[in-house]
Protein backbone atom coordinates (compact mmCIF):
# COMPACT_ATOMS: atom_id res chain seq x y z
CA UNK A 1 37.32 5.10 -26.20
CA UNK A 2 34.09 4.33 -24.25
CA UNK A 3 32.25 0.63 -25.28
CA UNK A 4 29.31 1.37 -27.05
CA UNK A 5 26.31 -0.97 -26.27
CA UNK A 6 25.37 -3.64 -28.63
CA UNK A 7 22.06 -2.81 -30.53
CA UNK A 8 20.14 -5.60 -28.89
CA UNK A 9 21.18 -3.85 -25.51
CA UNK A 10 19.82 -0.82 -27.27
CA UNK A 11 16.64 -2.28 -27.92
CA UNK A 12 16.49 -3.70 -24.41
CA UNK A 13 16.69 -0.73 -22.64
CA UNK A 14 14.70 1.31 -24.72
CA UNK A 15 11.73 -1.30 -24.33
CA UNK A 16 12.69 -1.19 -20.28
CA UNK A 17 12.43 2.65 -20.87
CA UNK A 18 8.87 2.72 -22.97
CA UNK A 19 7.54 0.41 -20.50
CA UNK A 20 8.48 2.79 -17.32
CA UNK A 21 6.92 5.47 -19.14
CA UNK A 22 3.77 3.39 -19.82
CA UNK A 23 3.49 3.02 -16.23
CA UNK A 24 4.03 6.95 -15.21
CA UNK A 25 1.21 7.45 -18.11
CA UNK A 26 -0.83 5.27 -15.92
CA UNK A 27 -0.16 6.76 -12.81
CA UNK A 28 -0.56 10.41 -14.12
CA UNK A 29 -3.95 9.16 -16.07
CA UNK A 30 -4.68 8.58 -12.02
CA UNK A 31 -3.83 11.44 -10.60
CA UNK A 32 -1.28 9.67 -8.72
CA UNK A 33 2.52 10.19 -8.08
CA UNK A 34 4.61 7.34 -9.32
CA UNK A 35 5.86 6.33 -5.91
CA UNK A 36 2.57 6.83 -4.81
CA UNK A 37 1.25 4.11 -7.25
CA UNK A 38 3.77 1.68 -6.29
CA UNK A 39 3.23 2.07 -3.11
CA UNK A 40 -0.33 1.27 -3.67
CA UNK A 41 0.17 -1.49 -6.13
CA UNK A 42 2.61 -3.35 -3.89
CA UNK A 43 -0.13 -2.96 -1.03
CA UNK A 44 -2.63 -4.27 -3.18
CA UNK A 45 -0.41 -7.23 -4.68
CA UNK A 46 0.18 -8.13 -0.17
CA UNK A 47 -1.27 -11.10 0.80
CA UNK A 48 -1.62 -10.03 4.13
CA UNK A 49 -3.87 -7.31 5.25
CA UNK A 50 -0.56 -4.86 4.73
CA UNK A 51 2.98 -4.81 4.23
CA UNK A 52 6.28 -3.97 5.97
CA UNK A 53 7.94 -0.70 5.28
CA UNK A 54 11.17 -2.35 4.64
CA UNK A 55 9.47 -4.67 2.20
CA UNK A 56 7.63 -1.53 0.11
CA UNK A 57 10.71 -0.20 0.09
CA UNK A 58 12.70 -3.43 -1.35
CA UNK A 59 9.62 -4.36 -3.77
CA UNK A 60 9.32 -1.03 -5.35
CA UNK A 61 12.68 -0.08 -5.71
CA UNK A 62 12.31 2.92 -4.41
CA UNK A 63 14.62 4.76 -2.09
CA UNK A 64 13.63 4.67 1.85
CA UNK A 65 13.31 8.58 1.23
CA UNK A 66 11.60 8.62 -2.00
CA UNK A 67 9.21 5.99 -0.03
CA UNK A 68 8.97 7.81 3.33
CA UNK A 69 7.98 10.98 1.32
CA UNK A 70 5.17 9.34 -0.05
CA UNK A 71 4.11 7.76 2.38
CA UNK A 72 3.64 10.61 4.75
CA UNK A 73 2.05 12.11 1.89
CA UNK A 74 -0.55 9.56 1.65
CA UNK A 75 -1.11 9.00 5.77
CA UNK A 76 -1.90 12.78 5.13
CA UNK A 77 -4.71 12.70 3.23
CA UNK A 78 -6.26 9.63 5.20
CA UNK A 79 -5.12 6.61 2.32
CA UNK A 80 -2.54 4.91 4.37
CA UNK A 81 -2.19 4.55 8.20
CA UNK A 82 0.98 2.48 9.93
CA UNK A 83 0.99 0.36 12.16
CA UNK A 84 4.29 -0.68 14.91
CA UNK A 85 4.88 -3.93 14.67
CA UNK A 86 7.79 -4.89 17.27
CA UNK A 87 9.87 -2.58 18.19
CA UNK A 88 11.64 -1.53 14.55
CA UNK A 89 9.10 -2.37 12.29
CA UNK A 90 6.08 -0.61 10.65
CA UNK A 91 3.53 -2.28 8.81
CA UNK A 92 1.52 -0.22 6.42
CA UNK A 93 -2.23 -0.77 5.75
CA UNK A 94 -4.58 0.83 3.53
CA UNK A 95 -7.48 2.66 5.14
CA UNK A 96 -11.07 2.01 3.72
CA UNK A 97 -10.60 5.98 1.61
CA UNK A 98 -7.19 3.99 0.51
CA UNK A 99 -9.27 0.87 -0.28
CA UNK A 100 -11.54 2.37 -2.51
CA UNK A 101 -8.62 4.64 -3.90
CA UNK A 102 -6.64 1.01 -5.04
CA UNK A 103 -10.04 -0.26 -6.20
CA UNK A 104 -9.62 2.66 -9.04
CA UNK A 105 -6.07 3.23 -9.68
CA UNK A 106 -3.26 0.15 -8.92
CA UNK A 107 -6.19 -3.05 -9.07
CA UNK A 108 -7.07 -1.67 -12.57
CA UNK A 109 -2.77 -1.93 -13.45
CA UNK A 110 -3.25 -5.51 -12.03
CA UNK A 111 -6.30 -6.61 -13.92
CA UNK A 112 -4.83 -5.04 -16.97
CA UNK A 113 -1.01 -7.01 -16.28
CA UNK A 114 -3.17 -10.30 -15.72
CA UNK A 115 -5.48 -9.79 -18.80
CA UNK A 116 -2.45 -9.43 -20.61
CA UNK A 117 -0.45 -12.71 -19.02
CA UNK A 118 -3.87 -14.64 -19.74
CA UNK A 119 -3.68 -13.87 -23.47
CA UNK A 120 -0.76 -15.46 -23.71
CA UNK A 121 0.15 -19.16 -24.05
CA UNK A 122 1.73 -20.40 -21.12
CA UNK A 123 4.89 -21.52 -21.90
CA UNK A 124 5.25 -17.88 -23.45
CA UNK A 125 4.59 -16.51 -19.84
CA UNK A 126 7.18 -18.71 -18.68
CA UNK A 127 9.93 -18.08 -21.20
CA UNK A 128 9.15 -14.48 -20.94
CA UNK A 129 9.58 -14.66 -16.70
CA UNK A 130 12.54 -16.99 -17.30
CA UNK A 131 14.99 -14.92 -19.30
CA UNK A 132 14.15 -11.59 -17.26
CA UNK A 133 15.07 -13.50 -14.13
CA UNK A 134 18.30 -14.70 -15.71
CA UNK A 135 19.01 -11.32 -16.89
CA UNK A 136 18.86 -10.08 -13.93
CA UNK A 137 20.88 -12.67 -11.92
CA UNK A 138 23.28 -12.26 -14.48
CA UNK A 139 23.89 -8.48 -14.46
CA UNK A 140 23.42 -8.98 -10.46
CA UNK A 141 26.60 -11.09 -10.85
CA UNK A 142 28.27 -8.42 -13.01
CA UNK A 143 27.69 -5.90 -10.84
CA UNK A 144 29.54 -8.14 -7.78
CA UNK A 145 32.41 -8.15 -10.53
CA UNK A 146 32.85 -4.72 -10.71
CA UNK A 147 36.07 -3.55 -8.55
CA UNK A 148 36.29 -0.56 -6.68
CA UNK A 149 38.77 1.11 -8.94
CA UNK A 150 36.11 0.20 -11.83
CA UNK A 151 32.95 2.01 -10.18
CA UNK A 152 34.53 4.67 -8.59
CA UNK A 153 34.82 8.10 -11.06
CA UNK A 154 37.70 9.08 -12.65
CA UNK A 155 39.39 12.38 -11.52
CA UNK A 156 36.74 14.52 -12.72
């Protein structure tokens, strides 16, 4: 018999899925793929002028293949450009056209997110972020504790 998710986990997963769906809806509203929006969003959130390609993969959680494909499309459309940094690293930078697009899309999302957190009591924001961080850390520990025999599919 398979273990069943608790009602709390079902609720948690539903809320995560609904949040993902809301971000997807925003991407569609702006005429962008989810991966393109996540790349623009990441570049807007960068404190530097650009962001290393490997950091975009890490910060978005997207696969390398998905990031590379989206970046090729954005580069082809004149939204961003790549610049070599050292022998192996590529920096991703918005072009002027890309900045204008980001201001109309990803920055609107960031502004909405900022308004939401600004409307909450500071203590609630800290509690919320602390609990999400704690869940993520505990989940990562659980993943590390899974043995190979538990993670591999059985005879299918």
